[in-house]
């Protein structure tokens, strides 16, 4: 594949990844804003994970959210936590791809940032109608 075609393919894949992240953030915000909904279908998030392009096929299969319950539903807290983790993974992956794309364009592997850190906010979520207490924590994800 020539360089221009490879760059165009990478741009399209990165745009697709950004769209999936945006949709998952919307699903996450929706779950946060509806504390009275106690049970959530994993398909609410999985339909967006399935939109990832085939070049990520090896990775996205592991991002599909599954329930351990016989009826397939997740508690609100589980859903919010899983979706936040998927978003963090995809944002890290996007940063790595962008760095690799910049390196490919400039022709230098030394341009790739090897210590990319993504910081994500999380909070304790209660599954019941009780008011949730907000605790801010930072999670650092390091790429291997």
N, C-alpha and C. Protein backbone atom coordinates (compact mmCIF):
# COMPACT_ATOMS: atom_id res chain seq x y z
N UNK A 1 0.86 -1.18 0.00
CA UNK A 1 0.00 0.00 0.00
C UNK A 1 0.90 1.24 0.00
N UNK A 2 0.60 2.16 -0.89
CA UNK A 2 1.45 3.34 -0.93
C UNK A 2 1.18 4.23 0.28
N UNK A 3 2.09 5.14 0.54
CA UNK A 3 2.05 5.96 1.75
C UNK A 3 0.79 6.82 1.83
N UNK A 4 0.37 7.45 0.73
CA UNK A 4 -0.82 8.31 0.75
C UNK A 4 -2.07 7.50 1.05
N UNK A 5 -2.17 6.32 0.46
CA UNK A 5 -3.34 5.46 0.70
C UNK A 5 -3.34 4.97 2.15
N UNK A 6 -2.17 4.63 2.66
CA UNK A 6 -2.05 4.18 4.05
C UNK A 6 -2.45 5.30 5.01
N UNK A 7 -2.04 6.51 4.74
CA UNK A 7 -2.38 7.65 5.59
C UNK A 7 -3.89 7.91 5.55
N UNK A 8 -4.49 7.83 4.35
CA UNK A 8 -5.94 8.03 4.22
C UNK A 8 -6.70 6.95 4.98
N UNK A 9 -6.24 5.71 4.92
CA UNK A 9 -6.87 4.61 5.65
C UNK A 9 -6.77 4.85 7.15
N UNK A 10 -5.63 5.30 7.60
CA UNK A 10 -5.41 5.57 9.02
C UNK A 10 -6.29 6.71 9.51
N UNK A 11 -6.45 7.74 8.69
CA UNK A 11 -7.30 8.87 9.06
C UNK A 11 -8.75 8.40 9.20
N UNK A 12 -9.21 7.56 8.28
CA UNK A 12 -10.58 7.05 8.35
C UNK A 12 -10.77 6.18 9.58
N UNK A 13 -9.80 5.33 9.88
CA UNK A 13 -9.91 4.46 11.05
C UNK A 13 -9.90 5.27 12.34
N UNK A 14 -9.09 6.31 12.40
CA UNK A 14 -9.03 7.17 13.58
C UNK A 14 -10.34 7.94 13.75
N UNK A 15 -10.93 8.38 12.65
CA UNK A 15 -12.22 9.08 12.71
C UNK A 15 -13.31 8.13 13.20
N UNK A 16 -13.28 6.89 12.73
CA UNK A 16 -14.24 5.89 13.18
C UNK A 16 -14.09 5.63 14.67
N UNK A 17 -12.87 5.54 15.12
CA UNK A 17 -12.59 5.33 16.54
C UNK A 17 -13.11 6.50 17.37
N UNK A 18 -12.91 7.71 16.90
CA UNK A 18 -13.40 8.90 17.61
C UNK A 18 -14.93 8.89 17.68
N UNK A 19 -15.58 8.45 16.61
CA UNK A 19 -17.05 8.40 16.61
C UNK A 19 -17.57 7.38 17.62
N UNK A 20 -16.92 6.23 17.71
CA UNK A 20 -17.32 5.21 18.68
C UNK A 20 -17.12 5.72 20.10
N UNK A 21 -16.01 6.38 20.36
CA UNK A 21 -15.74 6.95 21.69
C UNK A 21 -16.82 7.96 22.04
N UNK A 22 -17.18 8.80 21.09
CA UNK A 22 -18.20 9.81 21.33
C UNK A 22 -19.55 9.16 21.66
N UNK A 23 -19.92 8.13 20.93
CA UNK A 23 -21.19 7.43 21.19
C UNK A 23 -21.18 6.76 22.56
N UNK A 24 -20.05 6.16 22.93
CA UNK A 24 -19.95 5.52 24.25
C UNK A 24 -20.00 6.56 25.37
N UNK A 25 -19.41 7.72 25.16
CA UNK A 25 -19.49 8.78 26.16
C UNK A 25 -20.94 9.23 26.35
N UNK A 26 -21.69 9.25 25.26
CA UNK A 26 -23.10 9.61 25.34
C UNK A 26 -23.89 8.57 26.14
N UNK A 27 -23.62 7.28 25.88
CA UNK A 27 -24.29 6.21 26.63
C UNK A 27 -23.91 6.27 28.11
N UNK A 28 -22.66 6.58 28.40
CA UNK A 28 -22.17 6.70 29.77
C UNK A 28 -22.87 7.86 30.48
N UNK A 29 -22.94 9.01 29.81
CA UNK A 29 -23.60 10.18 30.39
C UNK A 29 -25.09 9.91 30.62
N UNK A 30 -25.71 9.18 29.70
CA UNK A 30 -27.12 8.83 29.84
C UNK A 30 -27.33 7.98 31.09
N UNK A 31 -26.47 6.99 31.30
CA UNK A 31 -26.59 6.13 32.49
C UNK A 31 -26.35 6.94 33.77
N UNK A 32 -25.41 7.86 33.74
CA UNK A 32 -25.15 8.69 34.92
C UNK A 32 -26.34 9.59 35.25
N UNK A 33 -27.04 10.04 34.21
CA UNK A 33 -28.14 10.98 34.42
C UNK A 33 -29.46 10.31 34.78
N UNK A 34 -29.50 8.98 34.76
CA UNK A 34 -30.76 8.28 35.05
C UNK A 34 -30.59 7.30 36.21
N UNK A 35 -30.46 7.82 37.44
CA UNK A 35 -30.24 6.95 38.60
C UNK A 35 -31.44 6.05 38.92
N UNK A 36 -32.61 6.38 38.41
CA UNK A 36 -33.78 5.54 38.71
C UNK A 36 -33.82 4.27 37.86
N UNK A 37 -33.02 4.23 36.81
CA UNK A 37 -32.94 3.03 35.96
C UNK A 37 -31.90 2.10 36.60
N UNK A 38 -32.36 1.01 37.20
CA UNK A 38 -31.45 0.14 37.95
C UNK A 38 -30.78 -0.92 37.09
N UNK A 39 -31.36 -1.28 35.96
CA UNK A 39 -30.82 -2.34 35.13
C UNK A 39 -30.61 -1.84 33.71
N UNK A 40 -29.47 -2.19 33.14
CA UNK A 40 -29.10 -1.73 31.82
C UNK A 40 -28.68 -2.91 30.95
N UNK A 41 -29.03 -2.84 29.69
CA UNK A 41 -28.63 -3.87 28.73
C UNK A 41 -27.22 -3.58 28.23
N UNK A 42 -26.36 -4.57 28.21
CA UNK A 42 -25.02 -4.36 27.66
C UNK A 42 -25.06 -3.93 26.19
N UNK A 43 -26.13 -4.28 25.49
CA UNK A 43 -26.25 -3.90 24.08
C UNK A 43 -26.29 -2.40 23.87
N UNK A 44 -26.66 -1.66 24.90
CA UNK A 44 -26.66 -0.20 24.82
C UNK A 44 -25.27 0.31 24.47
N UNK A 45 -24.24 -0.33 24.97
CA UNK A 45 -22.85 0.05 24.65
C UNK A 45 -22.27 -0.83 23.54
N UNK A 46 -22.60 -2.10 23.54
CA UNK A 46 -22.00 -3.03 22.58
C UNK A 46 -22.30 -2.67 21.13
N UNK A 47 -23.47 -2.10 20.87
CA UNK A 47 -23.77 -1.74 19.49
C UNK A 47 -22.76 -0.76 18.93
N UNK A 48 -22.16 0.05 19.82
CA UNK A 48 -21.13 0.99 19.37
C UNK A 48 -19.78 0.29 19.24
N UNK A 49 -19.49 -0.61 20.14
CA UNK A 49 -18.23 -1.37 20.06
C UNK A 49 -18.18 -2.14 18.75
N UNK A 50 -19.32 -2.68 18.31
CA UNK A 50 -19.37 -3.44 17.06
C UNK A 50 -19.12 -2.57 15.83
N UNK A 51 -19.15 -1.25 15.99
CA UNK A 51 -18.89 -0.34 14.87
C UNK A 51 -17.40 -0.14 14.59
N UNK A 52 -16.56 -0.65 15.50
CA UNK A 52 -15.12 -0.49 15.29
C UNK A 52 -14.70 -1.22 14.03
N UNK A 53 -13.77 -0.65 13.31
CA UNK A 53 -13.35 -1.23 12.03
C UNK A 53 -12.56 -2.50 12.22
N UNK A 54 -12.45 -3.25 11.17
CA UNK A 54 -11.86 -4.58 11.22
C UNK A 54 -10.39 -4.59 11.64
N UNK A 55 -9.67 -3.49 11.47
CA UNK A 55 -8.27 -3.47 11.89
C UNK A 55 -8.11 -3.58 13.40
N UNK A 56 -9.20 -3.35 14.13
CA UNK A 56 -9.17 -3.51 15.58
C UNK A 56 -9.86 -4.80 16.01
N UNK A 57 -10.23 -5.64 15.07
CA UNK A 57 -11.04 -6.82 15.38
C UNK A 57 -10.44 -7.66 16.50
N UNK A 58 -9.14 -7.76 16.53
CA UNK A 58 -8.51 -8.56 17.58
C UNK A 58 -8.72 -7.94 18.95
N UNK A 59 -8.82 -6.61 19.01
CA UNK A 59 -8.99 -5.92 20.29
C UNK A 59 -10.44 -5.76 20.69
N UNK A 60 -11.32 -5.41 19.76
CA UNK A 60 -12.68 -5.05 20.18
C UNK A 60 -13.48 -6.21 20.71
N UNK A 61 -13.16 -7.44 20.31
CA UNK A 61 -13.90 -8.59 20.85
C UNK A 61 -13.79 -8.62 22.38
N UNK A 62 -12.67 -8.16 22.90
CA UNK A 62 -12.47 -8.15 24.35
C UNK A 62 -13.15 -6.95 25.03
N UNK A 63 -13.63 -6.02 24.23
CA UNK A 63 -14.31 -4.84 24.77
C UNK A 63 -15.81 -5.03 24.91
N UNK A 64 -16.33 -6.10 24.33
CA UNK A 64 -17.76 -6.36 24.41
C UNK A 64 -18.13 -6.61 25.87
N UNK A 65 -19.15 -5.89 26.33
CA UNK A 65 -19.57 -5.97 27.72
C UNK A 65 -20.55 -7.14 27.87
N UNK A 66 -20.28 -7.99 28.84
CA UNK A 66 -21.14 -9.14 29.09
C UNK A 66 -21.63 -9.11 30.53
N UNK A 67 -22.80 -9.65 30.72
CA UNK A 67 -23.37 -9.73 32.06
C UNK A 67 -23.16 -11.14 32.59
N UNK A 68 -22.93 -11.23 33.89
CA UNK A 68 -22.82 -12.53 34.53
C UNK A 68 -24.17 -13.08 34.97
N UNK A 69 -25.21 -12.29 34.76
CA UNK A 69 -26.56 -12.69 35.17
C UNK A 69 -27.21 -13.55 34.10
N UNK A 70 -28.12 -14.41 34.53
CA UNK A 70 -28.82 -15.29 33.59
C UNK A 70 -29.72 -14.51 32.62
N UNK A 71 -30.18 -13.34 33.02
CA UNK A 71 -31.07 -12.57 32.14
C UNK A 71 -30.31 -11.59 31.24
N UNK A 72 -28.98 -11.50 31.41
CA UNK A 72 -28.17 -10.68 30.52
C UNK A 72 -28.09 -9.20 30.86
N UNK A 73 -28.70 -8.76 31.94
CA UNK A 73 -28.71 -7.35 32.30
C UNK A 73 -27.59 -7.03 33.28
N UNK A 74 -27.18 -5.77 33.31
CA UNK A 74 -26.17 -5.27 34.24
C UNK A 74 -26.80 -4.27 35.18
N UNK A 75 -26.31 -4.23 36.41
CA UNK A 75 -26.75 -3.16 37.30
C UNK A 75 -26.21 -1.84 36.75
N UNK A 76 -26.81 -0.77 37.14
CA UNK A 76 -26.40 0.55 36.67
C UNK A 76 -24.92 0.80 36.97
N UNK A 77 -24.49 0.47 38.18
CA UNK A 77 -23.09 0.68 38.56
C UNK A 77 -22.14 -0.14 37.71
N UNK A 78 -22.49 -1.40 37.44
CA UNK A 78 -21.64 -2.24 36.59
C UNK A 78 -21.57 -1.67 35.18
N UNK A 79 -22.73 -1.26 34.66
CA UNK A 79 -22.77 -0.71 33.30
C UNK A 79 -21.88 0.53 33.20
N UNK A 80 -22.03 1.45 34.14
CA UNK A 80 -21.25 2.69 34.13
C UNK A 80 -19.76 2.38 34.23
N UNK A 81 -19.39 1.47 35.11
CA UNK A 81 -17.97 1.11 35.26
C UNK A 81 -17.39 0.47 34.02
N UNK A 82 -18.12 -0.47 33.42
CA UNK A 82 -17.63 -1.14 32.21
C UNK A 82 -17.50 -0.17 31.04
N UNK A 83 -18.50 0.69 30.86
CA UNK A 83 -18.45 1.64 29.75
C UNK A 83 -17.29 2.62 29.95
N UNK A 84 -17.06 3.07 31.17
CA UNK A 84 -15.93 3.97 31.45
C UNK A 84 -14.60 3.29 31.12
N UNK A 85 -14.49 2.00 31.43
CA UNK A 85 -13.26 1.27 31.13
C UNK A 85 -13.05 1.12 29.63
N UNK A 86 -14.11 0.84 28.89
CA UNK A 86 -14.01 0.72 27.44
C UNK A 86 -13.60 2.06 26.83
N UNK A 87 -14.19 3.14 27.31
CA UNK A 87 -13.83 4.48 26.83
C UNK A 87 -12.35 4.76 27.09
N UNK A 88 -11.88 4.45 28.28
CA UNK A 88 -10.46 4.68 28.63
C UNK A 88 -9.54 3.88 27.71
N UNK A 89 -9.89 2.62 27.45
CA UNK A 89 -9.08 1.78 26.56
C UNK A 89 -9.04 2.39 25.16
N UNK A 90 -10.20 2.77 24.63
CA UNK A 90 -10.26 3.30 23.27
C UNK A 90 -9.56 4.65 23.16
N UNK A 91 -9.65 5.48 24.18
CA UNK A 91 -8.95 6.76 24.14
C UNK A 91 -7.44 6.56 24.15
N UNK A 92 -6.97 5.61 24.92
CA UNK A 92 -5.55 5.29 24.93
C UNK A 92 -5.12 4.78 23.57
N UNK A 93 -5.91 3.87 23.01
CA UNK A 93 -5.61 3.32 21.69
C UNK A 93 -5.58 4.43 20.64
N UNK A 94 -6.52 5.37 20.73
CA UNK A 94 -6.55 6.48 19.77
C UNK A 94 -5.29 7.32 19.89
N UNK A 95 -4.84 7.61 21.10
CA UNK A 95 -3.62 8.40 21.28
C UNK A 95 -2.40 7.70 20.68
N UNK A 96 -2.33 6.39 20.88
CA UNK A 96 -1.21 5.63 20.32
C UNK A 96 -1.26 5.66 18.79
N UNK A 97 -2.46 5.49 18.24
CA UNK A 97 -2.62 5.52 16.78
C UNK A 97 -2.24 6.89 16.23
N UNK A 98 -2.68 7.93 16.89
CA UNK A 98 -2.34 9.28 16.41
C UNK A 98 -0.83 9.51 16.43
N UNK A 99 -0.18 9.06 17.49
CA UNK A 99 1.27 9.20 17.57
C UNK A 99 1.96 8.40 16.48
N UNK A 100 1.47 7.19 16.22
CA UNK A 100 2.06 6.36 15.17
C UNK A 100 1.82 6.98 13.80
N UNK A 101 0.64 7.57 13.60
CA UNK A 101 0.35 8.22 12.32
C UNK A 101 1.27 9.41 12.09
N UNK A 102 1.48 10.20 13.15
CA UNK A 102 2.38 11.36 13.02
C UNK A 102 3.80 10.89 12.69
N UNK A 103 4.20 9.78 13.31
CA UNK A 103 5.54 9.25 13.06
C UNK A 103 5.65 8.75 11.62
N UNK A 104 4.58 8.11 11.12
CA UNK A 104 4.60 7.61 9.74
C UNK A 104 4.67 8.76 8.75
N UNK A 105 3.95 9.82 9.05
CA UNK A 105 3.97 10.99 8.16
C UNK A 105 5.34 11.65 8.16
N UNK A 106 5.93 11.79 9.35
CA UNK A 106 7.24 12.44 9.44
C UNK A 106 8.37 11.48 9.08
N UNK A 107 8.07 10.18 9.07
CA UNK A 107 9.08 9.20 8.69
C UNK A 107 10.04 8.84 9.79
N UNK A 108 9.72 9.19 11.04
CA UNK A 108 10.63 8.92 12.14
C UNK A 108 9.93 8.19 13.26
N UNK A 109 10.41 7.04 13.60
CA UNK A 109 9.83 6.26 14.69
C UNK A 109 10.10 6.93 16.04
N UNK A 110 11.11 7.79 16.12
CA UNK A 110 11.42 8.45 17.39
C UNK A 110 10.35 9.46 17.79
N UNK A 111 9.43 9.80 16.85
CA UNK A 111 8.36 10.74 17.16
C UNK A 111 7.24 10.11 17.98
N UNK A 112 7.23 8.80 18.10
CA UNK A 112 6.16 8.13 18.84
C UNK A 112 6.38 8.34 20.33
N UNK A 113 5.36 8.83 21.00
CA UNK A 113 5.40 9.04 22.45
C UNK A 113 5.30 7.67 23.13
N UNK A 114 6.32 7.29 23.87
CA UNK A 114 6.34 5.96 24.47
C UNK A 114 5.81 5.94 25.89
N UNK A 115 5.48 7.09 26.45
CA UNK A 115 4.99 7.10 27.82
C UNK A 115 3.64 7.80 27.92
N UNK A 116 2.78 7.54 26.94
CA UNK A 116 1.46 8.19 26.94
C UNK A 116 0.66 7.74 28.15
N UNK A 117 0.08 8.70 28.84
CA UNK A 117 -0.74 8.42 30.02
C UNK A 117 -2.11 9.04 29.79
N UNK A 118 -3.12 8.26 30.07
CA UNK A 118 -4.48 8.77 29.98
C UNK A 118 -5.03 8.83 31.39
N UNK A 119 -5.60 9.96 31.76
CA UNK A 119 -6.21 10.09 33.07
C UNK A 119 -7.71 10.10 32.89
N UNK A 120 -8.40 9.30 33.70
CA UNK A 120 -9.86 9.22 33.62
C UNK A 120 -10.43 9.48 35.01
N UNK A 121 -11.59 10.09 35.06
CA UNK A 121 -12.28 10.32 36.32
C UNK A 121 -13.26 9.19 36.56
N UNK A 122 -13.41 8.79 37.79
CA UNK A 122 -14.43 7.80 38.13
C UNK A 122 -15.06 8.21 39.45
N UNK A 123 -16.21 7.66 39.72
CA UNK A 123 -16.89 7.97 40.97
C UNK A 123 -17.63 6.73 41.44
N UNK A 124 -17.87 6.65 42.75
CA UNK A 124 -18.63 5.55 43.30
C UNK A 124 -20.08 5.71 42.89
N UNK A 125 -20.69 4.64 42.46
CA UNK A 125 -22.07 4.66 42.02
C UNK A 125 -22.87 3.69 42.88
N UNK A 126 -24.00 4.13 43.36
CA UNK A 126 -24.89 3.22 44.08
C UNK A 126 -25.95 2.74 43.11
N UNK A 127 -26.37 1.51 43.27
CA UNK A 127 -27.36 0.94 42.37
C UNK A 127 -28.78 1.25 42.80
N UNK A 128 -28.97 1.65 44.04
CA UNK A 128 -30.30 1.92 44.54
C UNK A 128 -30.69 3.36 44.36
N UNK A 129 -31.87 3.71 44.83
CA UNK A 129 -32.34 5.08 44.68
C UNK A 129 -31.65 6.07 45.61
N UNK A 130 -30.81 5.56 46.52
CA UNK A 130 -30.11 6.45 47.44
C UNK A 130 -29.17 7.38 46.67
N UNK A 131 -28.92 8.52 47.22
CA UNK A 131 -28.06 9.50 46.59
C UNK A 131 -26.62 8.97 46.59
N UNK A 132 -25.97 9.04 45.44
CA UNK A 132 -24.60 8.54 45.36
C UNK A 132 -23.63 9.56 45.94
N UNK A 133 -22.64 9.06 46.64
CA UNK A 133 -21.61 9.97 47.15
C UNK A 133 -20.50 10.01 46.11
N UNK A 134 -20.09 11.18 45.75
CA UNK A 134 -19.09 11.34 44.71
C UNK A 134 -17.70 11.32 45.33
N UNK A 135 -16.88 10.44 44.79
CA UNK A 135 -15.50 10.35 45.21
C UNK A 135 -14.66 10.41 43.95
N UNK A 136 -13.84 11.40 43.84
CA UNK A 136 -13.03 11.55 42.64
C UNK A 136 -11.73 10.77 42.81
N UNK A 137 -11.47 9.91 41.86
CA UNK A 137 -10.22 9.16 41.83
C UNK A 137 -9.64 9.28 40.43
N UNK A 138 -8.36 9.15 40.34
CA UNK A 138 -7.72 9.16 39.03
C UNK A 138 -7.17 7.77 38.76
N UNK A 139 -7.35 7.36 37.54
CA UNK A 139 -6.82 6.07 37.10
C UNK A 139 -5.79 6.37 36.03
N UNK A 140 -4.63 5.81 36.17
CA UNK A 140 -3.61 5.99 35.15
C UNK A 140 -3.44 4.69 34.40
N UNK A 141 -3.56 4.76 33.08
CA UNK A 141 -3.37 3.60 32.23
C UNK A 141 -2.07 3.80 31.47
N UNK A 142 -1.17 2.87 31.60
CA UNK A 142 0.10 2.94 30.91
C UNK A 142 0.09 1.93 29.79
N UNK A 143 0.52 2.34 28.63
CA UNK A 143 0.60 1.36 27.54
C UNK A 143 1.84 0.52 27.75
N UNK A 144 1.73 -0.73 27.39
CA UNK A 144 2.85 -1.67 27.56
C UNK A 144 3.84 -1.55 26.46
